[in-house]
Amino acid sequence: MRDREHWVAYLAVWAGCLFTVLYFVLFPLLQRITTLEEEKKRLIQEVTVLQRKVAELRHLEERLQELENLARTLSRRLPEEKEIPDLLITIEDAAFLSRLELLSLKPEPPKLQEGYTELPFSGSVRASFQSFLLFLNYLRQSPRLIQVQGFSFGKDREAFKADFLLSTYLLGGGKP
């Protein structure tokens, strides 16, 4: 019976133990769970950002590979210094194949740039407009890079005349 008289004390002790367990054990666990959930959300966002960056990196690597292939192709098309006389012959052959009269073709002073040297050539031809277009097409098909910088048209003794400026490039900024 004595236990019945002290039930309030037992209840207070049990309530105190329950409060102590809740306050010192369960509430910190709940706070830790909340903190871990926030950390999980943050990490998921970071993973999403990193996945996007990985996809961009793959795309950039593919683009870099394309650009490297293009650079290799263009460097193969660039003449070497010893090929410049052959390049003049290529231009003369294009004129012959397109059935136009090459009035003049002369190298201009080289233009030194950072990393490359531009070698311009000026010239003039007499022919029909179609022959001049065919001439430009032959130059475009040349195994070496020949760029048309500009041209102008006129008449020369009742014939079509075109003056042009062509350029090719040497790798390196040194003197050609």
Protein backbone atom coordinates (compact mmCIF):
# COMPACT_ATOMS: atom_id res chain seq x y z
CA MET A 1 0.00 0.00 0.00
CA ARG A 2 2.83 2.17 0.57
CA ASP A 3 3.49 2.18 -3.12
CA ARG A 4 0.02 3.57 -3.69
CA GLU A 5 0.73 6.50 -1.51
CA HIS A 6 3.83 7.45 -3.45
CA TRP A 7 2.43 7.05 -6.95
CA VAL A 8 2.70 10.79 -7.48
CA ALA A 9 6.42 10.61 -6.69
CA TYR A 10 6.84 7.64 -9.04
CA LEU A 11 4.95 9.51 -11.73
CA ALA A 12 7.14 12.57 -11.22
CA VAL A 13 10.32 10.45 -11.42
CA TRP A 14 9.08 8.69 -14.58
CA ALA A 15 8.07 12.00 -16.11
CA GLY A 16 11.50 13.43 -15.23
CA CYS A 17 13.23 10.40 -16.80
CA LEU A 18 11.02 10.66 -19.89
CA PHE A 19 11.69 14.41 -20.17
CA THR A 20 15.43 13.83 -19.71
CA VAL A 21 15.47 11.14 -22.44
CA LEU A 22 13.41 13.33 -24.78
CA TYR A 23 15.41 16.48 -24.12
CA PHE A 24 18.92 15.04 -24.13
CA VAL A 25 18.54 12.13 -26.56
CA LEU A 26 15.59 12.46 -28.94
CA PHE A 27 15.61 16.23 -29.60
CA PRO A 28 19.32 16.22 -30.55
CA LEU A 29 18.63 13.24 -32.81
CA LEU A 30 15.73 15.09 -34.47
CA GLN A 31 17.93 18.18 -34.94
CA ARG A 32 20.68 15.98 -36.39
CA ILE A 33 18.15 14.39 -38.79
CA THR A 34 17.00 17.85 -39.89
CA THR A 35 20.59 18.97 -40.39
CA LEU A 36 21.36 15.80 -42.38
CA GLU A 37 18.29 16.33 -44.59
CA GLU A 38 19.42 19.89 -45.37
CA GLU A 39 22.93 18.60 -46.07
CA LYS A 40 21.43 15.94 -48.35
CA LYS A 41 19.49 18.59 -50.32
CA ARG A 42 22.63 20.71 -50.64
CA LEU A 43 24.67 17.71 -51.81
CA ILE A 44 21.99 16.75 -54.34
CA GLN A 45 22.14 20.29 -55.72
CA GLU A 46 25.94 20.10 -55.90
CA VAL A 47 25.73 16.74 -57.68
CA THR A 48 23.27 18.21 -60.18
CA VAL A 49 25.59 21.16 -60.84
CA LEU A 50 28.57 18.82 -61.19
CA GLN A 51 26.65 16.56 -63.59
CA ARG A 52 25.86 19.60 -65.72
CA LYS A 53 29.53 20.57 -65.65
CA VAL A 54 30.55 17.04 -66.65
CA ALA A 55 28.14 17.19 -69.59
CA GLU A 56 29.57 20.59 -70.58
CA LEU A 57 33.09 19.23 -70.20
CA ARG A 58 32.29 16.33 -72.51
CA HIS A 59 30.85 18.76 -75.03
CA LEU A 60 33.92 20.99 -74.73
CA GLU A 61 36.24 17.99 -75.11
CA GLU A 62 34.38 16.99 -78.30
CA ARG A 63 34.62 20.56 -79.57
CA LEU A 64 38.31 20.67 -78.69
CA GLN A 65 38.86 17.45 -80.65
CA GLU A 66 37.02 18.96 -83.63
CA LEU A 67 39.14 22.12 -83.43
CA GLU A 68 42.36 20.10 -83.13
CA ASN A 69 41.36 18.11 -86.22
CA LEU A 70 40.60 21.33 -88.06
CA ALA A 71 43.94 22.82 -86.97
CA ARG A 72 45.76 19.71 -88.22
CA THR A 73 43.90 19.91 -91.52
CA LEU A 74 44.67 23.61 -91.93
CA SER A 75 48.31 23.18 -90.95
CA ARG A 76 48.63 20.53 -93.67
CA ARG A 77 47.18 23.05 -96.11
CA LEU A 78 49.62 25.77 -95.11
CA PRO A 79 52.64 25.83 -97.35
CA GLU A 80 56.16 25.63 -96.05
CA GLU A 81 58.64 28.33 -97.00
CA LYS A 82 60.31 26.11 -99.61
CA GLU A 83 56.93 25.60 -101.34
CA ILE A 84 56.30 29.27 -102.20
CA PRO A 85 57.66 28.98 -105.78
CA ASP A 86 55.43 25.91 -106.25
CA LEU A 87 52.51 27.97 -104.97
CA LEU A 88 53.12 30.53 -107.74
CA ILE A 89 53.09 27.66 -110.23
CA THR A 90 49.81 26.45 -108.74
CA ILE A 91 48.29 29.90 -109.32
CA GLU A 92 49.61 29.94 -112.90
CA ASP A 93 48.21 26.42 -113.49
CA ALA A 94 44.80 27.54 -112.20
CA ALA A 95 44.92 30.44 -114.65
CA PHE A 96 45.83 28.09 -117.50
CA LEU A 97 43.13 25.55 -116.61
CA SER A 98 40.46 28.24 -116.41
CA ARG A 99 41.54 29.65 -119.81
CA LEU A 100 42.34 33.15 -118.71
CA GLU A 101 45.29 35.29 -119.55
CA LEU A 102 47.49 35.98 -116.54
CA LEU A 103 48.72 39.54 -117.07
CA SER A 104 50.76 39.79 -113.88
CA LEU A 105 51.49 37.89 -110.68
CA LYS A 106 53.91 39.22 -108.14
CA PRO A 107 54.63 38.56 -104.47
CA GLU A 108 54.02 41.47 -102.12
CA PRO A 109 56.04 42.19 -98.96
CA PRO A 110 55.24 39.67 -96.21
CA LYS A 111 53.21 40.81 -93.22
CA LEU A 112 54.57 39.46 -89.96
CA GLN A 113 51.84 38.65 -87.45
CA GLU A 114 51.99 37.05 -84.03
CA GLY A 115 52.35 33.33 -84.64
CA TYR A 116 52.23 33.45 -88.45
CA THR A 117 53.41 35.31 -91.52
CA GLU A 118 51.01 36.43 -94.24
CA LEU A 119 52.38 36.22 -97.77
CA PRO A 120 50.26 38.30 -100.19
CA PHE A 121 50.36 38.03 -104.00
CA SER A 122 48.85 40.56 -106.35
CA GLY A 123 47.93 39.92 -109.93
CA SER A 124 45.64 40.69 -112.78
CA VAL A 125 43.98 38.57 -115.43
CA ARG A 126 42.05 39.07 -118.65
CA ALA A 127 39.22 36.68 -119.46
CA SER A 128 35.50 36.18 -119.19
CA PHE A 129 33.69 36.46 -115.89
CA GLN A 130 33.00 32.70 -115.93
CA SER A 131 36.70 31.97 -116.46
CA PHE A 132 37.58 34.16 -113.51
CA LEU A 133 35.09 32.27 -111.32
CA LEU A 134 36.58 29.00 -112.55
CA PHE A 135 40.04 30.37 -111.66
CA LEU A 136 38.87 31.16 -108.11
CA ASN A 137 37.38 27.67 -107.85
CA TYR A 138 40.69 26.08 -108.88
CA LEU A 139 42.46 28.14 -106.22
CA ARG A 140 39.95 26.97 -103.62
CA GLN A 141 40.60 23.34 -104.56
CA SER A 142 44.35 23.74 -104.24
CA PRO A 143 46.00 21.44 -101.69
CA ARG A 144 47.55 24.54 -100.11
CA LEU A 145 45.60 27.35 -98.47
CA ILE A 146 45.23 30.31 -100.83
CA GLN A 147 42.85 32.98 -99.61
CA VAL A 148 41.34 35.62 -101.88
CA GLN A 149 41.76 38.92 -100.02
CA GLY A 150 40.03 41.05 -102.63
CA PHE A 151 39.50 41.70 -106.31
CA SER A 152 38.23 44.42 -108.62
CA PHE A 153 36.78 44.28 -112.11
CA GLY A 154 37.23 46.49 -115.13
CA LYS A 155 37.53 46.46 -118.91
CA ASP A 156 40.76 46.18 -120.83
CA ARG A 157 40.44 46.70 -124.59
CA GLU A 158 36.90 45.32 -124.75
CA ALA A 159 37.80 42.37 -122.53
CA PHE A 160 36.99 41.64 -118.93
CA LYS A 161 39.90 42.39 -116.58
CA ALA A 162 40.20 41.49 -112.90
CA ASP A 163 42.83 42.58 -110.42
CA PHE A 164 43.15 40.39 -107.34
CA LEU A 165 45.02 40.04 -104.10
CA LEU A 166 45.72 36.52 -102.79
CA SER A 167 47.34 35.49 -99.54
CA THR A 168 48.81 32.39 -98.03
CA TYR A 169 50.27 31.90 -94.59
CA LEU A 170 53.37 30.43 -93.00
CA LEU A 171 53.30 29.22 -89.43
CA GLY A 172 55.60 31.11 -87.10
CA GLY A 173 56.15 34.81 -86.78
CA GLY A 174 59.67 34.70 -88.19
CA LYS A 175 60.76 36.16 -91.49
CA PRO A 176 59.81 34.12 -94.55
